[in-house]
Amino acid sequence: MFECLPEIDPSADESTLIDQIAELETVKSAAAARQARATAALDAS
């Protein structure tokens, strides 16, 4: 499941690291939304 996440290069420049953080925040938000929908579906069943 986590293989699709980007590898973090600690030696990358600041701009690249900021872009990677933003990408990971987007993934985290999408996961939270799916979790909320799954929880609502479970509660409704």
Protein backbone atom coordinates (compact mmCIF):
# COMPACT_ATOMS: atom_id res chain seq x y z
CA MET A 1 0.00 0.00 0.00
CA PHE A 2 2.75 2.47 0.87
CA GLU A 3 4.98 1.65 -2.09
CA CYS A 4 3.26 4.40 -4.08
CA LEU A 5 4.45 7.09 -1.66
CA PRO A 6 7.49 9.06 -2.77
CA GLU A 7 10.86 8.33 -1.23
CA ILE A 8 12.26 11.23 0.76
CA ASP A 9 15.77 12.31 -0.16
CA PRO A 10 17.18 14.02 2.94
CA SER A 11 19.85 15.66 0.79
CA ALA A 12 17.28 17.27 -1.53
CA ASP A 13 17.10 21.04 -1.70
CA GLU A 14 14.57 22.98 0.35
CA SER A 15 12.19 23.55 -2.55
CA THR A 16 12.04 19.85 -3.36
CA LEU A 17 11.42 18.92 0.28
CA ILE A 18 8.62 21.49 0.52
CA ASP A 19 7.03 20.05 -2.63
CA GLN A 20 7.27 16.53 -1.18
CA ILE A 21 5.68 17.65 2.08
CA ALA A 22 2.83 19.25 0.14
CA GLU A 23 2.31 16.06 -1.86
CA LEU A 24 2.22 13.98 1.32
CA GLU A 25 -0.27 16.39 2.91
CA THR A 26 -2.54 15.89 -0.10
CA VAL A 27 -2.30 12.11 0.28
CA LYS A 28 -3.00 12.40 4.01
CA SER A 29 -6.11 14.51 3.36
CA ALA A 30 -7.42 12.05 0.79
CA ALA A 31 -6.87 9.16 3.22
CA ALA A 32 -8.73 11.02 5.98
CA ALA A 33 -11.66 11.68 3.64
CA ARG A 34 -11.88 8.02 2.65
CA GLN A 35 -11.69 7.00 6.30
CA ALA A 36 -14.57 9.35 7.13
CA ARG A 37 -16.69 7.93 4.29
CA ALA A 38 -15.95 4.36 5.38
CA THR A 39 -16.83 5.20 8.98
CA ALA A 40 -20.11 6.80 7.89
CA ALA A 41 -20.95 3.75 5.78
CA LEU A 42 -20.21 1.46 8.70
CA ASP A 43 -22.36 3.53 11.04
CA ALA A 44 -25.21 3.44 8.51
CA SER A 45 -25.10 -0.35 8.16
